């Protein structure tokens, strides 16, 4: 991920978070190849923002159904 931010407002807007310290949660969900963080299976950047902002129920739905995800070949 090669991003440049001018300030806190840019970070909040880019990651759809209320506080900059929440970025680590979003990165943990979607994964971060630069830091060798695999992320949650089947959850990408858009899904991680929706899961984080939506509710814990959305995240639980993803995690409770990981057995139904198909692996990439």
PDB file of N, CA and C in Angstrom:
ATOM      1  N   UNK A   1       0.855  -1.160   0.000  1.00  0.00           N
ATOM      2  CA  UNK A   1       0.000   0.000   0.000  1.00  0.00           C
ATOM      3  C   UNK A   1       0.909   1.232   0.000  1.00  0.00           C
ATOM      4  N   UNK A   2       0.765   2.043  -0.995  1.00  0.00           N
ATOM      5  CA  UNK A   2       1.606   3.229  -1.116  1.00  0.00           C
ATOM      6  C   UNK A   2       0.704   4.456  -1.026  1.00  0.00           C
ATOM      7  N   UNK A   3       0.485   4.942   0.179  1.00  0.00           N
ATOM      8  CA  UNK A   3      -0.426   6.048   0.401  1.00  0.00           C
ATOM      9  C   UNK A   3       0.303   7.225   1.018  1.00  0.00           C
ATOM     10  N   UNK A   4      -0.172   8.413   0.690  1.00  0.00           N
ATOM     11  CA  UNK A   4       0.395   9.629   1.272  1.00  0.00           C
ATOM     12  C   UNK A   4      -0.768  10.440   1.840  1.00  0.00           C
ATOM     13  N   UNK A   5      -0.656  10.824   3.092  1.00  0.00           N
ATOM     14  CA  UNK A   5      -1.733  11.545   3.750  1.00  0.00           C
ATOM     15  C   UNK A   5      -1.250  12.923   4.200  1.00  0.00           C
ATOM     16  N   UNK A   6      -2.146  13.890   4.069  1.00  0.00           N
ATOM     17  CA  UNK A   6      -1.819  15.237   4.490  1.00  0.00           C
ATOM     18  C   UNK A   6      -2.163  15.505   5.942  1.00  0.00           C
ATOM     19  N   UNK A   7      -2.996  14.653   6.509  1.00  0.00           N
ATOM     20  CA  UNK A   7      -3.391  14.868   7.890  1.00  0.00           C
ATOM     21  C   UNK A   7      -4.389  13.831   8.367  1.00  0.00           C
ATOM     22  N   UNK A   8      -4.865  14.039   9.565  1.00  0.00           N
ATOM     23  CA  UNK A   8      -5.789  13.100  10.196  1.00  0.00           C
ATOM     24  C   UNK A   8      -7.082  12.971   9.395  1.00  0.00           C
ATOM     25  N   UNK A   9      -7.576  14.065   8.846  1.00  0.00           N
ATOM     26  CA  UNK A   9      -8.813  14.008   8.063  1.00  0.00           C
ATOM     27  C   UNK A   9      -8.653  13.080   6.864  1.00  0.00           C
ATOM     28  N   UNK A  10      -7.486  13.101   6.229  1.00  0.00           N
ATOM     29  CA  UNK A  10      -7.228  12.211   5.087  1.00  0.00           C
ATOM     30  C   UNK A  10      -7.235  10.747   5.518  1.00  0.00           C
ATOM     31  N   UNK A  11      -6.636  10.467   6.651  1.00  0.00           N
ATOM     32  CA  UNK A  11      -6.591   9.093   7.160  1.00  0.00           C
ATOM     33  C   UNK A  11      -8.002   8.605   7.481  1.00  0.00           C
ATOM     34  N   UNK A  12      -8.778   9.436   8.156  1.00  0.00           N
ATOM     35  CA  UNK A  12     -10.144   9.064   8.519  1.00  0.00           C
ATOM     36  C   UNK A  12     -10.990   8.809   7.275  1.00  0.00           C
ATOM     37  N   UNK A  13     -10.811   9.640   6.260  1.00  0.00           N
ATOM     38  CA  UNK A  13     -11.574   9.496   5.025  1.00  0.00           C
ATOM     39  C   UNK A  13     -11.143   8.246   4.252  1.00  0.00           C
ATOM     40  N   UNK A  14      -9.857   8.021   4.120  1.00  0.00           N
ATOM     41  CA  UNK A  14      -9.336   6.890   3.342  1.00  0.00           C
ATOM     42  C   UNK A  14      -9.729   5.536   3.938  1.00  0.00           C
ATOM     43  N   UNK A  15      -9.671   5.433   5.256  1.00  0.00           N
ATOM     44  CA  UNK A  15      -9.936   4.158   5.910  1.00  0.00           C
ATOM     45  C   UNK A  15     -11.338   4.067   6.515  1.00  0.00           C
ATOM     46  N   UNK A  16     -12.142   5.113   6.348  1.00  0.00           N
ATOM     47  CA  UNK A  16     -13.525   5.126   6.863  1.00  0.00           C
ATOM     48  C   UNK A  16     -13.557   4.834   8.358  1.00  0.00           C
ATOM     49  N   UNK A  17     -12.727   5.528   9.120  1.00  0.00           N
ATOM     50  CA  UNK A  17     -12.673   5.353  10.568  1.00  0.00           C
ATOM     51  C   UNK A  17     -12.971   6.679  11.250  1.00  0.00           C
ATOM     52  N   UNK A  18     -13.333   6.592  12.510  1.00  0.00           N
ATOM     53  CA  UNK A  18     -13.592   7.800  13.287  1.00  0.00           C
ATOM     54  C   UNK A  18     -12.320   8.356  13.910  1.00  0.00           C
ATOM     55  N   UNK A  19     -11.370   7.452  14.217  1.00  0.00           N
ATOM     56  CA  UNK A  19     -10.109   7.858  14.844  1.00  0.00           C
ATOM     57  C   UNK A  19      -8.955   7.150  14.133  1.00  0.00           C
ATOM     58  N   UNK A  20      -7.812   7.800  13.996  1.00  0.00           N
ATOM     59  CA  UNK A  20      -6.665   7.176  13.336  1.00  0.00           C
ATOM     60  C   UNK A  20      -6.200   5.871  13.982  1.00  0.00           C
ATOM     61  N   UNK A  21      -6.398   5.713  15.293  1.00  0.00           N
ATOM     62  CA  UNK A  21      -5.952   4.482  15.943  1.00  0.00           C
ATOM     63  C   UNK A  21      -6.781   3.264  15.511  1.00  0.00           C
ATOM     64  N   UNK A  22      -7.891   3.490  14.821  1.00  0.00           N
ATOM     65  CA  UNK A  22      -8.722   2.393  14.341  1.00  0.00           C
ATOM     66  C   UNK A  22      -8.205   1.807  13.017  1.00  0.00           C
ATOM     67  N   UNK A  23      -7.261   2.467  12.381  1.00  0.00           N
ATOM     68  CA  UNK A  23      -6.706   1.991  11.116  1.00  0.00           C
ATOM     69  C   UNK A  23      -6.119   0.593  11.277  1.00  0.00           C
ATOM     70  N   UNK A  24      -5.487   0.314  12.381  1.00  0.00           N
ATOM     71  CA  UNK A  24      -4.883  -0.999  12.602  1.00  0.00           C
ATOM     72  C   UNK A  24      -5.934  -2.100  12.559  1.00  0.00           C
ATOM     73  N   UNK A  25      -7.146  -1.814  13.027  1.00  0.00           N
ATOM     74  CA  UNK A  25      -8.227  -2.797  12.978  1.00  0.00           C
ATOM     75  C   UNK A  25      -8.630  -3.083  11.531  1.00  0.00           C
ATOM     76  N   UNK A  26      -8.746  -2.023  10.730  1.00  0.00           N
ATOM     77  CA  UNK A  26      -9.115  -2.179   9.328  1.00  0.00           C
ATOM     78  C   UNK A  26      -8.022  -2.942   8.583  1.00  0.00           C
ATOM     79  N   UNK A  27      -6.770  -2.600   8.824  1.00  0.00           N
ATOM     80  CA  UNK A  27      -5.663  -3.301   8.169  1.00  0.00           C
ATOM     81  C   UNK A  27      -5.608  -4.766   8.597  1.00  0.00           C
ATOM     82  N   UNK A  28      -5.929  -5.022   9.847  1.00  0.00           N
ATOM     83  CA  UNK A  28      -5.944  -6.403  10.325  1.00  0.00           C
ATOM     84  C   UNK A  28      -7.014  -7.228   9.640  1.00  0.00           C
ATOM     85  N   UNK A  29      -8.141  -6.615   9.342  1.00  0.00           N
ATOM     86  CA  UNK A  29      -9.215  -7.325   8.658  1.00  0.00           C
ATOM     87  C   UNK A  29      -8.886  -7.579   7.190  1.00  0.00           C
ATOM     88  N   UNK A  30      -8.405  -6.546   6.507  1.00  0.00           N
ATOM     89  CA  UNK A  30      -8.179  -6.693   5.064  1.00  0.00           C
ATOM     90  C   UNK A  30      -6.809  -7.249   4.734  1.00  0.00           C
ATOM     91  N   UNK A  31      -5.908  -7.247   5.716  1.00  0.00           N
ATOM     92  CA  UNK A  31      -4.557  -7.716   5.459  1.00  0.00           C
ATOM     93  C   UNK A  31      -3.678  -6.589   4.946  1.00  0.00           C
ATOM     94  N   UNK A  32      -2.392  -6.771   5.100  1.00  0.00           N
ATOM     95  CA  UNK A  32      -1.427  -5.763   4.664  1.00  0.00           C
ATOM     96  C   UNK A  32      -0.161  -6.495   4.235  1.00  0.00           C
ATOM     97  N   UNK A  33       0.027  -6.654   2.924  1.00  0.00           N
ATOM     98  CA  UNK A  33       1.161  -7.425   2.427  1.00  0.00           C
ATOM     99  C   UNK A  33       2.495  -6.790   2.792  1.00  0.00           C
ATOM    100  N   UNK A  34       2.537  -5.474   2.914  1.00  0.00           N
ATOM    101  CA  UNK A  34       3.795  -4.799   3.263  1.00  0.00           C
ATOM    102  C   UNK A  34       4.279  -5.209   4.648  1.00  0.00           C
ATOM    103  N   UNK A  35       3.339  -5.486   5.544  1.00  0.00           N
ATOM    104  CA  UNK A  35       3.685  -5.877   6.907  1.00  0.00           C
ATOM    105  C   UNK A  35       3.452  -7.364   7.162  1.00  0.00           C
ATOM    106  N   UNK A  36       3.201  -8.123   6.074  1.00  0.00           N
ATOM    107  CA  UNK A  36       2.999  -9.566   6.158  1.00  0.00           C
ATOM    108  C   UNK A  36       1.847  -9.943   7.094  1.00  0.00           C
ATOM    109  N   UNK A  37       0.750  -9.182   6.996  1.00  0.00           N
ATOM    110  CA  UNK A  37      -0.456  -9.468   7.768  1.00  0.00           C
ATOM    111  C   UNK A  37      -1.461 -10.093   6.803  1.00  0.00           C
ATOM    112  N   UNK A  38      -1.837 -11.366   7.021  1.00  0.00           N
ATOM    113  CA  UNK A  38      -2.687 -12.052   6.054  1.00  0.00           C
ATOM    114  C   UNK A  38      -4.126 -11.534   5.967  1.00  0.00           C
ATOM    115  N   UNK A  39      -4.662 -11.009   7.038  1.00  0.00           N
ATOM    116  CA  UNK A  39      -6.045 -10.549   7.035  1.00  0.00           C
ATOM    117  C   UNK A  39      -7.021 -11.694   7.215  1.00  0.00           C
ATOM    118  N   UNK A  40      -8.296 -11.352   7.290  1.00  0.00           N
ATOM    119  CA  UNK A  40      -9.347 -12.355   7.437  1.00  0.00           C
ATOM    120  C   UNK A  40      -9.684 -12.921   6.062  1.00  0.00           C
ATOM    121  N   UNK A  41      -9.878 -14.223   5.964  1.00  0.00           N
ATOM    122  CA  UNK A  41     -10.163 -14.847   4.670  1.00  0.00           C
ATOM    123  C   UNK A  41     -11.396 -14.256   4.001  1.00  0.00           C
ATOM    124  N   UNK A  42     -11.272 -13.893   2.735  1.00  0.00           N
ATOM    125  CA  UNK A  42     -12.395 -13.398   1.956  1.00  0.00           C
ATOM    126  C   UNK A  42     -12.767 -11.951   2.205  1.00  0.00           C
ATOM    127  N   UNK A  43     -11.991 -11.236   3.013  1.00  0.00           N
ATOM    128  CA  UNK A  43     -12.310  -9.846   3.316  1.00  0.00           C
ATOM    129  C   UNK A  43     -11.223  -8.952   2.711  1.00  0.00           C
ATOM    130  N   UNK A  44     -11.644  -8.075   1.794  1.00  0.00           N
ATOM    131  CA  UNK A  44     -10.727  -7.137   1.158  1.00  0.00           C
ATOM    132  C   UNK A  44     -10.933  -5.739   1.701  1.00  0.00           C
ATOM    133  N   UNK A  45     -10.353  -4.744   1.032  1.00  0.00           N
ATOM    134  CA  UNK A  45     -10.458  -3.362   1.523  1.00  0.00           C
ATOM    135  C   UNK A  45     -11.892  -2.869   1.706  1.00  0.00           C
ATOM    136  N   UNK A  46     -12.752  -3.083   0.719  1.00  0.00           N
ATOM    137  CA  UNK A  46     -14.131  -2.604   0.841  1.00  0.00           C
ATOM    138  C   UNK A  46     -14.862  -3.346   1.954  1.00  0.00           C
ATOM    139  N   UNK A  47     -14.700  -4.664   1.986  1.00  0.00           N
ATOM    140  CA  UNK A  47     -15.374  -5.467   3.006  1.00  0.00           C
ATOM    141  C   UNK A  47     -14.909  -5.107   4.407  1.00  0.00           C
ATOM    142  N   UNK A  48     -13.613  -4.831   4.559  1.00  0.00           N
ATOM    143  CA  UNK A  48     -13.108  -4.518   5.892  1.00  0.00           C
ATOM    144  C   UNK A  48     -13.691  -3.214   6.406  1.00  0.00           C
ATOM    145  N   UNK A  49     -13.829  -2.228   5.534  1.00  0.00           N
ATOM    146  CA  UNK A  49     -14.439  -0.964   5.952  1.00  0.00           C
ATOM    147  C   UNK A  49     -15.898  -1.170   6.324  1.00  0.00           C
ATOM    148  N   UNK A  50     -16.623  -1.944   5.512  1.00  0.00           N
ATOM    149  CA  UNK A  50     -18.029  -2.208   5.817  1.00  0.00           C
ATOM    150  C   UNK A  50     -18.167  -2.996   7.114  1.00  0.00           C
ATOM    151  N   UNK A  51     -17.307  -3.993   7.297  1.00  0.00           N
ATOM    152  CA  UNK A  51     -17.380  -4.809   8.513  1.00  0.00           C
ATOM    153  C   UNK A  51     -17.062  -3.971   9.737  1.00  0.00           C
ATOM    154  N   UNK A  52     -16.030  -3.129   9.612  1.00  0.00           N
ATOM    155  CA  UNK A  52     -15.621  -2.328  10.763  1.00  0.00           C
ATOM    156  C   UNK A  52     -16.664  -1.281  11.097  1.00  0.00           C
ATOM    157  N   UNK A  53     -17.166  -0.599  10.078  1.00  0.00           N
ATOM    158  CA  UNK A  53     -18.121   0.470  10.320  1.00  0.00           C
ATOM    159  C   UNK A  53     -19.534  -0.042  10.564  1.00  0.00           C
ATOM    160  N   UNK A  54     -19.888  -1.126   9.877  1.00  0.00           N
ATOM    161  CA  UNK A  54     -21.256  -1.646   9.979  1.00  0.00           C
ATOM    162  C   UNK A  54     -21.617  -2.024  11.390  1.00  0.00           C
ATOM    163  N   UNK A  55     -21.046  -3.107  11.848  1.00  0.00           N
ATOM    164  CA  UNK A  55     -21.277  -3.543  13.216  1.00  0.00           C
ATOM    165  C   UNK A  55     -20.487  -4.809  13.478  1.00  0.00           C
ATOM    166  N   UNK A  56     -20.408  -5.168  14.726  1.00  0.00           N
ATOM    167  CA  UNK A  56     -19.744  -6.407  15.101  1.00  0.00           C
ATOM    168  C   UNK A  56     -20.488  -7.600  14.514  1.00  0.00           C
ATOM    169  N   UNK A  57     -21.785  -7.460  14.311  1.00  0.00           N
ATOM    170  CA  UNK A  57     -22.580  -8.550  13.738  1.00  0.00           C
ATOM    171  C   UNK A  57     -22.109  -8.887  12.331  1.00  0.00           C
ATOM    172  N   UNK A  58     -21.750  -7.881  11.542  1.00  0.00           N
ATOM    173  CA  UNK A  58     -21.255  -8.120  10.189  1.00  0.00           C
ATOM    174  C   UNK A  58     -19.951  -8.896  10.254  1.00  0.00           C
ATOM    175  N   UNK A  59     -19.064  -8.495  11.130  1.00  0.00           N
ATOM    176  CA  UNK A  59     -17.790  -9.183  11.284  1.00  0.00           C
ATOM    177  C   UNK A  59     -18.007 -10.623  11.741  1.00  0.00           C
ATOM    178  N   UNK A  60     -18.893 -10.814  12.689  1.00  0.00           N
ATOM    179  CA  UNK A  60     -19.182 -12.164  13.169  1.00  0.00           C
ATOM    180  C   UNK A  60     -19.730 -13.027  12.037  1.00  0.00           C
ATOM    181  N   UNK A  61     -20.556 -12.429  11.171  1.00  0.00           N
ATOM    182  CA  UNK A  61     -21.110 -13.175  10.038  1.00  0.00           C
ATOM    183  C   UNK A  61     -19.979 -13.687   9.146  1.00  0.00           C
ATOM    184  N   UNK A  62     -19.015 -12.827   8.834  1.00  0.00           N
ATOM    185  CA  UNK A  62     -17.882 -13.243   8.017  1.00  0.00           C
ATOM    186  C   UNK A  62     -17.104 -14.360   8.702  1.00  0.00           C
ATOM    187  N   UNK A  63     -16.772 -14.153   9.952  1.00  0.00           N
ATOM    188  CA  UNK A  63     -15.933 -15.119  10.651  1.00  0.00           C
ATOM    189  C   UNK A  63     -16.648 -16.445  10.908  1.00  0.00           C
ATOM    190  N   UNK A  64     -17.948 -16.394  11.100  1.00  0.00           N
ATOM    191  CA  UNK A  64     -18.702 -17.623  11.336  1.00  0.00           C
ATOM    192  C   UNK A  64     -18.940 -18.423  10.063  1.00  0.00           C
ATOM    193  N   UNK A  65     -18.657 -17.826   8.908  1.00  0.00           N
ATOM    194  CA  UNK A  65     -18.898 -18.509   7.634  1.00  0.00           C
ATOM    195  C   UNK A  65     -17.630 -18.732   6.831  1.00  0.00           C
ATOM    196  N   UNK A  66     -16.483 -18.673   7.472  1.00  0.00           N
ATOM    197  CA  UNK A  66     -15.236 -18.852   6.731  1.00  0.00           C
ATOM    198  C   UNK A  66     -15.134 -20.245   6.121  1.00  0.00           C
ATOM    199  N   UNK A  67     -15.813 -21.228   6.699  1.00  0.00           N
ATOM    200  CA  UNK A  67     -15.787 -22.571   6.142  1.00  0.00           C
ATOM    201  C   UNK A  67     -16.494 -22.659   4.799  1.00  0.00           C
ATOM    202  N   UNK A  68     -17.324 -21.679   4.476  1.00  0.00           N
ATOM    203  CA  UNK A  68     -18.059 -21.664   3.209  1.00  0.00           C
ATOM    204  C   UNK A  68     -17.299 -20.919   2.104  1.00  0.00           C
ATOM    205  N   UNK A  69     -16.189 -20.285   2.462  1.00  0.00           N
ATOM    206  CA  UNK A  69     -15.407 -19.545   1.471  1.00  0.00           C
ATOM    207  C   UNK A  69     -14.632 -20.516   0.593  1.00  0.00           C
ATOM    208  N   UNK A  70     -14.516 -20.169  -0.680  1.00  0.00           N
ATOM    209  CA  UNK A  70     -13.751 -20.998  -1.598  1.00  0.00           C
ATOM    210  C   UNK A  70     -12.344 -20.420  -1.696  1.00  0.00           C
ATOM    211  N   UNK A  71     -11.360 -21.288  -1.651  1.00  0.00           N
ATOM    212  CA  UNK A  71      -9.972 -20.856  -1.784  1.00  0.00           C
ATOM    213  C   UNK A  71      -9.663 -20.521  -3.215  1.00  0.00           C
ATOM    214  N   UNK A  72      -8.809 -19.535  -3.409  1.00  0.00           N
ATOM    215  CA  UNK A  72      -8.347 -19.207  -4.753  1.00  0.00           C
ATOM    216  C   UNK A  72      -7.423 -20.308  -5.220  1.00  0.00           C
ATOM    217  N   UNK A  73      -7.557 -20.677  -6.458  1.00  0.00           N
ATOM    218  CA  UNK A  73      -6.703 -21.742  -7.013  1.00  0.00           C
ATOM    219  C   UNK A  73      -5.425 -21.185  -7.571  1.00  0.00           C
TER     220      UNK A  73
END
